[in-house]
């Protein structure tokens, strides 16, 4: 996978409009579940690719440091060889002096080559560093989007369960209409009222029978009084 492909995919996924995707979906929950799986897989793939890109960048940085150190080291060797040549030439050893000057030239040539290699790598390292930073930023955005996706899914599932519970409740309430005379509740209420009326009837009937008995008792008392008075009249002198 090329750097351009990685960066393009990371940028595209990071900019995905979650709300628009939800609005277009026939089944938002299934769409979100699939999108979460896709995002997770893409993040994992992108992480591996970005890790490889970072690894390559670190190798280039290491090579650059080695080239810089090598250039410095070869410069030091060239200086030492040149000074030795000057000492030998001053001592009259021209042949040995020339040999050390030649060593100094070789060292300078290698110093120049290391400097060129270091200089050539610097723009590439700078460009790769920028790419890595953009990839890391894109990955962070993807992970943020993944968190948003999971939150949206949890919210959607909670809302769906709440709506389902409300619909069940409303269906239950609708099936029991207390104002419907044909409902079970109304029939039970009518039965209770009939029982109450029957009890009132019995009470009224019992009260009427009791009044009749007291009236009969009063009538008997009057007859006895009359008989007693009659007996008293007959026994009078």
C-alpha atoms as a PDB file:
ATOM      1  CA  UNK A   1       0.000   0.000   0.000  1.00  0.00           C
ATOM      2  CA  UNK A   2       1.449   3.375  -1.046  1.00  0.00           C
ATOM      3  CA  UNK A   3       1.634   6.407   1.203  1.00  0.00           C
ATOM      4  CA  UNK A   4      -0.838   8.259  -1.035  1.00  0.00           C
ATOM      5  CA  UNK A   5      -3.365   5.425  -0.773  1.00  0.00           C
ATOM      6  CA  UNK A   6      -3.026   5.276   3.021  1.00  0.00           C
ATOM      7  CA  UNK A   7      -3.357   9.018   3.414  1.00  0.00           C
ATOM      8  CA  UNK A   8      -6.318   9.164   1.028  1.00  0.00           C
ATOM      9  CA  UNK A   9      -8.209   6.430   2.862  1.00  0.00           C
ATOM     10  CA  UNK A  10      -7.505   7.895   6.280  1.00  0.00           C
ATOM     11  CA  UNK A  11      -8.626  11.352   5.131  1.00  0.00           C
ATOM     12  CA  UNK A  12     -11.791  10.018   3.488  1.00  0.00           C
ATOM     13  CA  UNK A  13     -12.843   7.982   6.513  1.00  0.00           C
ATOM     14  CA  UNK A  14     -12.016  10.766   8.940  1.00  0.00           C
ATOM     15  CA  UNK A  15     -14.296  13.150   7.022  1.00  0.00           C
ATOM     16  CA  UNK A  16     -17.228  10.722   6.784  1.00  0.00           C
ATOM     17  CA  UNK A  17     -20.541  12.338   7.747  1.00  0.00           C
ATOM     18  CA  UNK A  18     -22.094   9.893  10.198  1.00  0.00           C
ATOM     19  CA  UNK A  19     -25.481  11.643  10.391  1.00  0.00           C
ATOM     20  CA  UNK A  20     -25.842  11.635   6.593  1.00  0.00           C
ATOM     21  CA  UNK A  21     -25.038   7.922   6.472  1.00  0.00           C
ATOM     22  CA  UNK A  22     -27.648   7.214   9.155  1.00  0.00           C
ATOM     23  CA  UNK A  23     -30.308   9.243   7.308  1.00  0.00           C
ATOM     24  CA  UNK A  24     -29.702   7.279   4.094  1.00  0.00           C
ATOM     25  CA  UNK A  25     -29.811   3.859   5.740  1.00  0.00           C
ATOM     26  CA  UNK A  26     -32.927   1.668   5.701  1.00  0.00           C
ATOM     27  CA  UNK A  27     -31.863   0.016   8.958  1.00  0.00           C
ATOM     28  CA  UNK A  28     -29.633   2.510  10.836  1.00  0.00           C
ATOM     29  CA  UNK A  29     -28.646   0.055  13.561  1.00  0.00           C
ATOM     30  CA  UNK A  30     -27.451  -2.597  11.109  1.00  0.00           C
ATOM     31  CA  UNK A  31     -25.702   0.085   9.077  1.00  0.00           C
ATOM     32  CA  UNK A  32     -23.920   1.395  12.170  1.00  0.00           C
ATOM     33  CA  UNK A  33     -22.905  -2.102  13.250  1.00  0.00           C
ATOM     34  CA  UNK A  34     -21.402  -2.743   9.816  1.00  0.00           C
ATOM     35  CA  UNK A  35     -19.794   0.694   9.724  1.00  0.00           C
ATOM     36  CA  UNK A  36     -18.206   0.085  13.130  1.00  0.00           C
ATOM     37  CA  UNK A  37     -16.772  -3.200  11.886  1.00  0.00           C
ATOM     38  CA  UNK A  38     -15.465  -1.537   8.707  1.00  0.00           C
ATOM     39  CA  UNK A  39     -13.988   1.375  10.647  1.00  0.00           C
ATOM     40  CA  UNK A  40     -12.303  -0.950  13.122  1.00  0.00           C
ATOM     41  CA  UNK A  41     -10.804  -3.040  10.312  1.00  0.00           C
ATOM     42  CA  UNK A  42      -9.669   0.049   8.386  1.00  0.00           C
ATOM     43  CA  UNK A  43      -8.117   1.569  11.492  1.00  0.00           C
ATOM     44  CA  UNK A  44      -6.214  -1.647  12.159  1.00  0.00           C
ATOM     45  CA  UNK A  45      -5.001  -1.788   8.545  1.00  0.00           C
ATOM     46  CA  UNK A  46      -4.084   1.896   8.547  1.00  0.00           C
ATOM     47  CA  UNK A  47      -2.235   1.533  11.852  1.00  0.00           C
ATOM     48  CA  UNK A  48      -0.059  -1.218  10.386  1.00  0.00           C
ATOM     49  CA  UNK A  49       0.671   0.810   7.256  1.00  0.00           C
ATOM     50  CA  UNK A  50       1.416   3.961   9.241  1.00  0.00           C
ATOM     51  CA  UNK A  51       3.672   1.968  11.572  1.00  0.00           C
ATOM     52  CA  UNK A  52       5.602   0.712   8.534  1.00  0.00           C
ATOM     53  CA  UNK A  53       5.867   4.263   7.180  1.00  0.00           C
ATOM     54  CA  UNK A  54       7.137   5.498  10.536  1.00  0.00           C
ATOM     55  CA  UNK A  55       9.622   2.622  10.630  1.00  0.00           C
ATOM     56  CA  UNK A  56      10.980   3.583   7.203  1.00  0.00           C
ATOM     57  CA  UNK A  57      11.249   7.192   8.324  1.00  0.00           C
ATOM     58  CA  UNK A  58      13.212   6.211  11.419  1.00  0.00           C
ATOM     59  CA  UNK A  59      15.604   4.158   9.268  1.00  0.00           C
ATOM     60  CA  UNK A  60      16.170   7.137   6.979  1.00  0.00           C
ATOM     61  CA  UNK A  61      16.780   9.354  10.011  1.00  0.00           C
ATOM     62  CA  UNK A  62      19.247   6.827  11.358  1.00  0.00           C
ATOM     63  CA  UNK A  63      21.067   6.648   8.008  1.00  0.00           C
ATOM     64  CA  UNK A  64      21.160  10.445   7.897  1.00  0.00           C
ATOM     65  CA  UNK A  65      22.680  10.634  11.360  1.00  0.00           C
ATOM     66  CA  UNK A  66      25.287   8.054  10.351  1.00  0.00           C
ATOM     67  CA  UNK A  67      26.139  10.051   7.223  1.00  0.00           C
ATOM     68  CA  UNK A  68      26.505  13.248   9.242  1.00  0.00           C
ATOM     69  CA  UNK A  69      28.702  11.477  11.798  1.00  0.00           C
ATOM     70  CA  UNK A  70      30.720   9.847   9.026  1.00  0.00           C
ATOM     71  CA  UNK A  71      31.287  13.217   7.326  1.00  0.00           C
ATOM     72  CA  UNK A  72      32.513  14.638  10.613  1.00  0.00           C
ATOM     73  CA  UNK A  73      34.753  11.640  11.225  1.00  0.00           C
ATOM     74  CA  UNK A  74      36.279  11.747   7.725  1.00  0.00           C
ATOM     75  CA  UNK A  75      36.880  15.471   8.135  1.00  0.00           C
ATOM     76  CA  UNK A  76      38.795  14.781  11.334  1.00  0.00           C
ATOM     77  CA  UNK A  77      40.894  12.100   9.610  1.00  0.00           C
ATOM     78  CA  UNK A  78      41.636  14.443   6.681  1.00  0.00           C
ATOM     79  CA  UNK A  79      42.810  17.133   9.072  1.00  0.00           C
ATOM     80  CA  UNK A  80      45.023  14.710  10.990  1.00  0.00           C
ATOM     81  CA  UNK A  81      46.582  13.364   7.771  1.00  0.00           C
ATOM     82  CA  UNK A  82      47.200  16.866   6.433  1.00  0.00           C
ATOM     83  CA  UNK A  83      48.927  17.950   9.645  1.00  0.00           C
ATOM     84  CA  UNK A  84      51.080  14.820   9.634  1.00  0.00           C
ATOM     85  CA  UNK A  85      52.059  15.576   6.044  1.00  0.00           C
ATOM     86  CA  UNK A  86      53.057  19.100   7.022  1.00  0.00           C
ATOM     87  CA  UNK A  87      55.201  17.763   9.879  1.00  0.00           C
ATOM     88  CA  UNK A  88      56.951  15.247   7.641  1.00  0.00           C
ATOM     89  CA  UNK A  89      57.549  17.801   4.914  1.00  0.00           C
ATOM     90  CA  UNK A  90      59.044  20.203   7.464  1.00  0.00           C
ATOM     91  CA  UNK A  91      61.316  17.350   8.613  1.00  0.00           C
ATOM     92  CA  UNK A  92      62.483  16.770   5.067  1.00  0.00           C
ATOM     93  CA  UNK A  93      60.471  13.574   4.402  1.00  0.00           C
ATOM     94  CA  UNK A  94      58.752  14.715   1.249  1.00  0.00           C
ATOM     95  CA  UNK A  95      57.776  11.179   0.138  1.00  0.00           C
ATOM     96  CA  UNK A  96      56.012  10.371   3.392  1.00  0.00           C
ATOM     97  CA  UNK A  97      54.453  13.838   3.387  1.00  0.00           C
ATOM     98  CA  UNK A  98      52.954  13.190  -0.048  1.00  0.00           C
ATOM     99  CA  UNK A  99      51.564   9.861   1.116  1.00  0.00           C
ATOM    100  CA  UNK A 100      49.765  11.486   4.039  1.00  0.00           C
ATOM    101  CA  UNK A 101      48.480  14.275   1.775  1.00  0.00           C
ATOM    102  CA  UNK A 102      47.032  11.586  -0.467  1.00  0.00           C
ATOM    103  CA  UNK A 103      45.375  10.001   2.604  1.00  0.00           C
ATOM    104  CA  UNK A 104      43.961  13.417   3.467  1.00  0.00           C
ATOM    105  CA  UNK A 105      42.500  13.689  -0.042  1.00  0.00           C
ATOM    106  CA  UNK A 106      40.907  10.262   0.242  1.00  0.00           C
ATOM    107  CA  UNK A 107      39.394  11.239   3.596  1.00  0.00           C
ATOM    108  CA  UNK A 108      38.107  14.513   2.152  1.00  0.00           C
ATOM    109  CA  UNK A 109      36.530  12.615  -0.772  1.00  0.00           C
ATOM    110  CA  UNK A 110      34.678  10.313   1.613  1.00  0.00           C
ATOM    111  CA  UNK A 111      33.656  13.281   3.737  1.00  0.00           C
ATOM    112  CA  UNK A 112      32.185  14.958   0.655  1.00  0.00           C
ATOM    113  CA  UNK A 113      30.310  11.786  -0.322  1.00  0.00           C
ATOM    114  CA  UNK A 114      28.811  11.422   3.180  1.00  0.00           C
ATOM    115  CA  UNK A 115      27.774  15.078   3.188  1.00  0.00           C
ATOM    116  CA  UNK A 116      26.055  14.676  -0.196  1.00  0.00           C
ATOM    117  CA  UNK A 117      24.200  11.569   0.969  1.00  0.00           C
ATOM    118  CA  UNK A 118      23.090  13.377   4.125  1.00  0.00           C
ATOM    119  CA  UNK A 119      21.998  16.417   2.119  1.00  0.00           C
ATOM    120  CA  UNK A 120      20.073  14.300  -0.390  1.00  0.00           C
ATOM    121  CA  UNK A 121      18.188  12.509   2.419  1.00  0.00           C
ATOM    122  CA  UNK A 122      17.115  15.659   4.237  1.00  0.00           C
ATOM    123  CA  UNK A 123      14.255  16.729   1.860  1.00  0.00           C
ATOM    124  CA  UNK A 124      12.957  13.148   1.759  1.00  0.00           C
ATOM    125  CA  UNK A 125      13.038  12.932   5.543  1.00  0.00           C
ATOM    126  CA  UNK A 126      11.214  16.263   5.822  1.00  0.00           C
ATOM    127  CA  UNK A 127       8.525  15.112   3.366  1.00  0.00           C
ATOM    128  CA  UNK A 128       8.153  11.750   5.104  1.00  0.00           C
ATOM    129  CA  UNK A 129       7.899  13.454   8.485  1.00  0.00           C
ATOM    130  CA  UNK A 130       5.032  15.594   7.170  1.00  0.00           C
ATOM    131  CA  UNK A 131       3.283  12.533   5.741  1.00  0.00           C
ATOM    132  CA  UNK A 132       3.650  10.650   9.030  1.00  0.00           C
ATOM    133  CA  UNK A 133       2.199  13.555  11.000  1.00  0.00           C
ATOM    134  CA  UNK A 134      -0.772  13.755   8.635  1.00  0.00           C
ATOM    135  CA  UNK A 135      -1.306  10.002   8.877  1.00  0.00           C
ATOM    136  CA  UNK A 136      -1.148  10.076  12.679  1.00  0.00           C
ATOM    137  CA  UNK A 137      -3.590  12.994  12.744  1.00  0.00           C
ATOM    138  CA  UNK A 138      -5.904  11.123  10.391  1.00  0.00           C
ATOM    139  CA  UNK A 139      -5.754   8.029  12.574  1.00  0.00           C
ATOM    140  CA  UNK A 140      -6.668  10.112  15.614  1.00  0.00           C
ATOM    141  CA  UNK A 141      -9.652  11.511  13.715  1.00  0.00           C
ATOM    142  CA  UNK A 142     -10.679   8.010  12.655  1.00  0.00           C
ATOM    143  CA  UNK A 143     -10.579   6.830  16.260  1.00  0.00           C
ATOM    144  CA  UNK A 144     -12.676   9.848  17.260  1.00  0.00           C
ATOM    145  CA  UNK A 145     -15.168   8.974  14.523  1.00  0.00           C
ATOM    146  CA  UNK A 146     -15.237   5.387  15.735  1.00  0.00           C
ATOM    147  CA  UNK A 147     -16.102   6.603  19.236  1.00  0.00           C
ATOM    148  CA  UNK A 148     -18.867   8.759  17.732  1.00  0.00           C
ATOM    149  CA  UNK A 149     -20.164   5.783  15.779  1.00  0.00           C
ATOM    150  CA  UNK A 150     -20.324   3.629  18.901  1.00  0.00           C
ATOM    151  CA  UNK A 151     -22.044   6.421  20.832  1.00  0.00           C
ATOM    152  CA  UNK A 152     -24.572   6.898  17.997  1.00  0.00           C
ATOM    153  CA  UNK A 153     -25.253   3.183  17.916  1.00  0.00           C
ATOM    154  CA  UNK A 154     -25.779   2.989  21.680  1.00  0.00           C
ATOM    155  CA  UNK A 155     -28.084   6.023  21.527  1.00  0.00           C
ATOM    156  CA  UNK A 156     -30.053   4.529  18.642  1.00  0.00           C
ATOM    157  CA  UNK A 157     -30.446   1.165  20.369  1.00  0.00           C
ATOM    158  CA  UNK A 158     -31.595   2.865  23.587  1.00  0.00           C
ATOM    159  CA  UNK A 159     -34.114   4.998  21.695  1.00  0.00           C
ATOM    160  CA  UNK A 160     -35.406   1.972  19.789  1.00  0.00           C
ATOM    161  CA  UNK A 161     -35.911  -0.001  23.007  1.00  0.00           C
ATOM    162  CA  UNK A 162     -37.670   2.977  24.625  1.00  0.00           C
ATOM    163  CA  UNK A 163     -39.975   3.397  21.626  1.00  0.00           C
ATOM    164  CA  UNK A 164     -40.749  -0.329  21.628  1.00  0.00           C
ATOM    165  CA  UNK A 165     -41.587  -0.242  25.344  1.00  0.00           C
ATOM    166  CA  UNK A 166     -43.840   2.792  24.858  1.00  0.00           C
ATOM    167  CA  UNK A 167     -45.648   1.102  21.979  1.00  0.00           C
ATOM    168  CA  UNK A 168     -46.228  -2.006  24.073  1.00  0.00           C
ATOM    169  CA  UNK A 169     -47.561   0.110  26.922  1.00  0.00           C
ATOM    170  CA  UNK A 170     -49.887   2.076  24.660  1.00  0.00           C
ATOM    171  CA  UNK A 171     -51.136  -1.157  23.120  1.00  0.00           C
ATOM    172  CA  UNK A 172     -51.941  -2.529  26.565  1.00  0.00           C
ATOM    173  CA  UNK A 173     -53.723   0.646  27.635  1.00  0.00           C
ATOM    174  CA  UNK A 174     -55.736   0.733  24.418  1.00  0.00           C
ATOM    175  CA  UNK A 175     -56.956  -2.841  24.984  1.00  0.00           C
ATOM    176  CA  UNK A 176     -58.556  -1.826  28.314  1.00  0.00           C
ATOM    177  CA  UNK A 177     -61.065   0.974  27.730  1.00  0.00           C
ATOM    178  CA  UNK A 178     -62.896   1.732  30.985  1.00  0.00           C
ATOM    179  CA  UNK A 179     -65.530   3.736  29.074  1.00  0.00           C
ATOM    180  CA  UNK A 180     -66.437   0.779  26.850  1.00  0.00           C
ATOM    181  CA  UNK A 181     -69.631  -0.914  28.216  1.00  0.00           C
ATOM    182  CA  UNK A 182     -68.636  -4.173  26.561  1.00  0.00           C
ATOM    183  CA  UNK A 183     -65.250  -4.284  28.282  1.00  0.00           C
ATOM    184  CA  UNK A 184     -64.480  -6.772  31.015  1.00  0.00           C
ATOM    185  CA  UNK A 185     -64.137  -3.997  33.541  1.00  0.00           C
ATOM    186  CA  UNK A 186     -67.578  -2.571  32.796  1.00  0.00           C
ATOM    187  CA  UNK A 187     -69.202  -6.018  33.025  1.00  0.00           C
ATOM    188  CA  UNK A 188     -67.531  -6.619  36.360  1.00  0.00           C
ATOM    189  CA  UNK A 189     -68.747  -3.227  37.591  1.00  0.00           C
ATOM    190  CA  UNK A 190     -72.317  -4.073  36.540  1.00  0.00           C
ATOM    191  CA  UNK A 191     -72.132  -7.367  38.397  1.00  0.00           C
ATOM    192  CA  UNK A 192     -70.969  -5.598  41.555  1.00  0.00           C
ATOM    193  CA  UNK A 193     -73.801  -3.079  41.267  1.00  0.00           C
ATOM    194  CA  UNK A 194     -76.362  -5.899  40.923  1.00  0.00           C
ATOM    195  CA  UNK A 195     -74.993  -7.597  44.005  1.00  0.00           C
ATOM    196  CA  UNK A 196     -75.162  -4.329  45.903  1.00  0.00           C
ATOM    197  CA  UNK A 197     -78.784  -3.822  44.775  1.00  0.00           C
ATOM    198  CA  UNK A 198     -79.690  -7.349  45.844  1.00  0.00           C
ATOM    199  CA  UNK A 199     -78.197  -6.711  49.286  1.00  0.00           C
ATOM    200  CA  UNK A 200     -80.151  -3.470  49.602  1.00  0.00           C
ATOM    201  CA  UNK A 201     -83.322  -5.357  48.642  1.00  0.00           C
ATOM    202  CA  UNK A 202     -82.759  -7.952  51.309  1.00  0.00           C
ATOM    203  CA  UNK A 203     -82.119  -5.263  53.887  1.00  0.00           C
ATOM    204  CA  UNK A 204     -85.314  -3.474  52.929  1.00  0.00           C
ATOM    205  CA  UNK A 205     -87.291  -6.698  53.029  1.00  0.00           C
ATOM    206  CA  UNK A 206     -85.905  -7.587  56.446  1.00  0.00           C
ATOM    207  CA  UNK A 207     -86.785  -4.143  57.755  1.00  0.00           C
ATOM    208  CA  UNK A 208     -90.410  -4.462  56.487  1.00  0.00           C
ATOM    209  CA  UNK A 209     -90.892  -7.859  58.184  1.00  0.00           C
ATOM    210  CA  UNK A 210     -89.586  -6.507  61.487  1.00  0.00           C
ATOM    211  CA  UNK A 211     -91.972  -3.525  61.376  1.00  0.00           C
ATOM    212  CA  UNK A 212     -94.914  -5.884  60.770  1.00  0.00           C
ATOM    213  CA  UNK A 213     -93.977  -7.970  63.792  1.00  0.00           C
ATOM    214  CA  UNK A 214     -93.822  -4.890  66.001  1.00  0.00           C
ATOM    215  CA  UNK A 215     -97.185  -3.756  64.702  1.00  0.00           C
ATOM    216  CA  UNK A 216     -98.627  -7.185  65.447  1.00  0.00           C
ATOM    217  CA  UNK A 217     -97.182  -7.016  68.935  1.00  0.00           C
ATOM    218  CA  UNK A 218     -98.764  -3.607  69.480  1.00  0.00           C
ATOM    219  CA  UNK A 219    -102.103  -4.977  68.273  1.00  0.00           C
ATOM    220  CA  UNK A 220    -101.931  -7.847  70.769  1.00  0.00           C
ATOM    221  CA  UNK A 221    -101.173  -5.414  73.555  1.00  0.00           C
ATOM    222  CA  UNK A 222    -104.265  -3.373  72.746  1.00  0.00           C
ATOM    223  CA  UNK A 223    -106.513  -6.468  72.801  1.00  0.00           C
ATOM    224  CA  UNK A 224    -105.214  -7.498  76.212  1.00  0.00           C
ATOM    225  CA  UNK A 225    -105.857  -4.013  77.572  1.00  0.00           C
ATOM    226  CA  UNK A 226    -109.418  -4.090  76.262  1.00  0.00           C
ATOM    227  CA  UNK A 227    -110.040  -7.513  77.850  1.00  0.00           C
ATOM    228  CA  UNK A 228    -108.654  -6.335  81.172  1.00  0.00           C
ATOM    229  CA  UNK A 229    -110.864  -3.278  81.218  1.00  0.00           C
ATOM    230  CA  UNK A 230    -113.916  -5.362  80.351  1.00  0.00           C
ATOM    231  CA  UNK A 231    -113.207  -7.711  83.230  1.00  0.00           C
ATOM    232  CA  UNK A 232    -112.850  -4.750  85.537  1.00  0.00           C
ATOM    233  CA  UNK A 233    -116.230  -3.398  84.499  1.00  0.00           C
ATOM    234  CA  UNK A 234    -117.920  -6.680  85.152  1.00  0.00           C
ATOM    235  CA  UNK A 235    -116.468  -7.058  88.572  1.00  0.00           C
ATOM    236  CA  UNK A 236    -117.487  -3.576  89.675  1.00  0.00           C
ATOM    237  CA  UNK A 237    -120.352  -3.447  92.400  1.00  0.00           C
END
